[in-house]
Amino acid sequence: MKRLIVGISGASGAIYGVRLLQVLRDVTDIETHLVMSQAARQTLSLETDFSLREVQALA
């Protein structure tokens, strides 16, 4: 099994990290982990309808 760390920073575009996690969730031989900065958490709430818990659950 391959492991992949997805990092989301405070830059605009947090939805791309979320979408990547959604796509990778269906790939059986990849284990994902998530790292988010505090600024990313703010950007996530401003730019998407996803909660922090929802995104964490994708990893």
N, C-alpha and C. Protein backbone atom coordinates (compact mmCIF):
# COMPACT_ATOMS: atom_id res chain seq x y z
N MET A 1 0.84 -1.18 0.00
CA MET A 1 0.00 0.00 0.00
C MET A 1 0.89 1.24 0.00
N LYS A 2 0.53 2.21 -0.81
CA LYS A 2 1.25 3.47 -0.88
C LYS A 2 0.61 4.46 0.09
N ARG A 3 1.43 5.30 0.68
CA ARG A 3 0.93 6.34 1.58
C ARG A 3 1.16 7.70 0.94
N LEU A 4 0.16 8.55 1.05
CA LEU A 4 0.24 9.88 0.47
C LEU A 4 -0.21 10.90 1.50
N ILE A 5 0.60 11.92 1.70
CA ILE A 5 0.24 13.01 2.61
C ILE A 5 -0.26 14.17 1.78
N VAL A 6 -1.47 14.63 2.07
CA VAL A 6 -2.06 15.77 1.38
C VAL A 6 -1.95 16.96 2.33
N GLY A 7 -1.27 18.00 1.90
CA GLY A 7 -1.14 19.21 2.70
C GLY A 7 -1.99 20.33 2.12
N ILE A 8 -2.75 20.97 2.98
CA ILE A 8 -3.57 22.11 2.56
C ILE A 8 -3.11 23.31 3.35
N SER A 9 -2.72 24.36 2.63
CA SER A 9 -2.25 25.59 3.28
C SER A 9 -3.36 26.63 3.28
N GLY A 10 -3.05 27.79 3.73
CA GLY A 10 -4.04 28.86 3.81
C GLY A 10 -4.28 29.58 2.50
N ALA A 11 -3.56 29.17 1.45
CA ALA A 11 -3.75 29.82 0.15
C ALA A 11 -5.13 29.48 -0.40
N SER A 12 -5.61 30.35 -1.25
CA SER A 12 -6.90 30.11 -1.90
C SER A 12 -6.83 28.81 -2.70
N GLY A 13 -7.92 28.07 -2.70
CA GLY A 13 -7.97 26.83 -3.46
C GLY A 13 -8.03 25.58 -2.60
N ALA A 14 -8.48 25.70 -1.37
CA ALA A 14 -8.59 24.55 -0.48
C ALA A 14 -9.46 23.45 -1.07
N ILE A 15 -10.39 23.82 -1.92
CA ILE A 15 -11.29 22.84 -2.53
C ILE A 15 -10.53 21.82 -3.36
N TYR A 16 -9.37 22.20 -3.90
CA TYR A 16 -8.59 21.25 -4.69
C TYR A 16 -8.02 20.13 -3.81
N GLY A 17 -7.61 20.47 -2.62
CA GLY A 17 -7.15 19.46 -1.68
C GLY A 17 -8.28 18.55 -1.25
N VAL A 18 -9.45 19.13 -1.02
CA VAL A 18 -10.62 18.35 -0.64
C VAL A 18 -10.99 17.39 -1.77
N ARG A 19 -11.00 17.90 -2.97
CA ARG A 19 -11.37 17.06 -4.12
C ARG A 19 -10.36 15.93 -4.32
N LEU A 20 -9.09 16.22 -4.12
CA LEU A 20 -8.07 15.18 -4.23
C LEU A 20 -8.33 14.07 -3.21
N LEU A 21 -8.65 14.44 -1.99
CA LEU A 21 -8.97 13.44 -0.97
C LEU A 21 -10.20 12.62 -1.36
N GLN A 22 -11.18 13.27 -1.95
CA GLN A 22 -12.39 12.55 -2.38
C GLN A 22 -12.05 11.51 -3.45
N VAL A 23 -11.24 11.89 -4.41
CA VAL A 23 -10.87 10.99 -5.50
C VAL A 23 -10.02 9.84 -4.97
N LEU A 24 -9.05 10.16 -4.12
CA LEU A 24 -8.14 9.13 -3.61
C LEU A 24 -8.83 8.16 -2.66
N ARG A 25 -9.93 8.57 -2.10
CA ARG A 25 -10.66 7.69 -1.18
C ARG A 25 -11.13 6.41 -1.89
N ASP A 26 -11.40 6.52 -3.17
CA ASP A 26 -11.86 5.37 -3.95
C ASP A 26 -10.73 4.50 -4.50
N VAL A 27 -9.49 4.93 -4.32
CA VAL A 27 -8.34 4.16 -4.79
C VAL A 27 -7.93 3.21 -3.66
N THR A 28 -7.99 1.93 -3.94
CA THR A 28 -7.82 0.95 -2.87
C THR A 28 -6.39 0.80 -2.36
N ASP A 29 -5.38 1.09 -3.17
CA ASP A 29 -4.01 0.85 -2.73
C ASP A 29 -3.28 2.13 -2.29
N ILE A 30 -4.03 3.18 -1.96
CA ILE A 30 -3.43 4.42 -1.46
C ILE A 30 -4.05 4.78 -0.12
N GLU A 31 -3.18 4.98 0.86
CA GLU A 31 -3.59 5.43 2.19
C GLU A 31 -3.27 6.92 2.29
N THR A 32 -4.26 7.74 2.59
CA THR A 32 -4.03 9.19 2.64
C THR A 32 -3.99 9.69 4.08
N HIS A 33 -3.22 10.75 4.25
CA HIS A 33 -3.11 11.46 5.52
C HIS A 33 -3.23 12.95 5.21
N LEU A 34 -3.74 13.71 6.14
CA LEU A 34 -4.00 15.12 5.91
C LEU A 34 -3.24 15.99 6.91
N VAL A 35 -2.62 17.04 6.37
CA VAL A 35 -1.98 18.07 7.19
C VAL A 35 -2.58 19.40 6.76
N MET A 36 -3.13 20.14 7.72
CA MET A 36 -3.74 21.45 7.42
C MET A 36 -3.20 22.49 8.38
N SER A 37 -2.88 23.65 7.84
CA SER A 37 -2.46 24.76 8.69
C SER A 37 -3.70 25.43 9.29
N GLN A 38 -3.48 26.25 10.29
CA GLN A 38 -4.58 26.99 10.89
C GLN A 38 -5.23 27.91 9.86
N ALA A 39 -4.41 28.51 9.01
CA ALA A 39 -4.95 29.38 7.96
C ALA A 39 -5.79 28.57 6.96
N ALA A 40 -5.42 27.32 6.72
CA ALA A 40 -6.20 26.47 5.82
C ALA A 40 -7.59 26.21 6.38
N ARG A 41 -7.68 26.08 7.67
CA ARG A 41 -8.98 25.86 8.31
C ARG A 41 -9.89 27.07 8.09
N GLN A 42 -9.31 28.25 8.16
CA GLN A 42 -10.09 29.46 7.92
C GLN A 42 -10.50 29.55 6.44
N THR A 43 -9.56 29.26 5.56
CA THR A 43 -9.85 29.29 4.13
C THR A 43 -10.93 28.28 3.77
N LEU A 44 -10.85 27.10 4.37
CA LEU A 44 -11.84 26.05 4.12
C LEU A 44 -13.24 26.55 4.45
N SER A 45 -13.39 27.21 5.57
CA SER A 45 -14.72 27.68 5.97
C SER A 45 -15.20 28.85 5.12
N LEU A 46 -14.27 29.64 4.59
CA LEU A 46 -14.65 30.78 3.76
C LEU A 46 -14.96 30.39 2.31
N GLU A 47 -14.26 29.38 1.80
CA GLU A 47 -14.36 29.05 0.38
C GLU A 47 -15.20 27.82 0.07
N THR A 48 -15.53 27.01 1.07
CA THR A 48 -16.27 25.78 0.79
C THR A 48 -17.41 25.61 1.79
N ASP A 49 -18.23 24.62 1.52
CA ASP A 49 -19.31 24.25 2.44
C ASP A 49 -18.91 23.06 3.31
N PHE A 50 -17.66 22.63 3.22
CA PHE A 50 -17.18 21.49 4.00
C PHE A 50 -16.78 21.94 5.40
N SER A 51 -17.09 21.11 6.37
CA SER A 51 -16.61 21.36 7.73
C SER A 51 -15.23 20.72 7.87
N LEU A 52 -14.51 21.14 8.89
CA LEU A 52 -13.19 20.57 9.15
C LEU A 52 -13.31 19.06 9.38
N ARG A 53 -14.31 18.65 10.13
CA ARG A 53 -14.50 17.21 10.42
C ARG A 53 -14.77 16.41 9.15
N GLU A 54 -15.53 16.97 8.24
CA GLU A 54 -15.81 16.28 6.98
C GLU A 54 -14.53 16.05 6.18
N VAL A 55 -13.68 17.06 6.13
CA VAL A 55 -12.44 16.94 5.38
C VAL A 55 -11.50 15.96 6.07
N GLN A 56 -11.41 16.04 7.38
CA GLN A 56 -10.56 15.11 8.12
C GLN A 56 -11.01 13.67 7.91
N ALA A 57 -12.30 13.46 7.80
CA ALA A 57 -12.84 12.11 7.61
C ALA A 57 -12.49 11.53 6.24
N LEU A 58 -12.17 12.39 5.29
CA LEU A 58 -11.81 11.92 3.96
C LEU A 58 -10.41 11.32 3.92
N ALA A 59 -9.56 11.73 4.85
CA ALA A 59 -8.16 11.26 4.86
C ALA A 59 -8.05 9.92 5.56
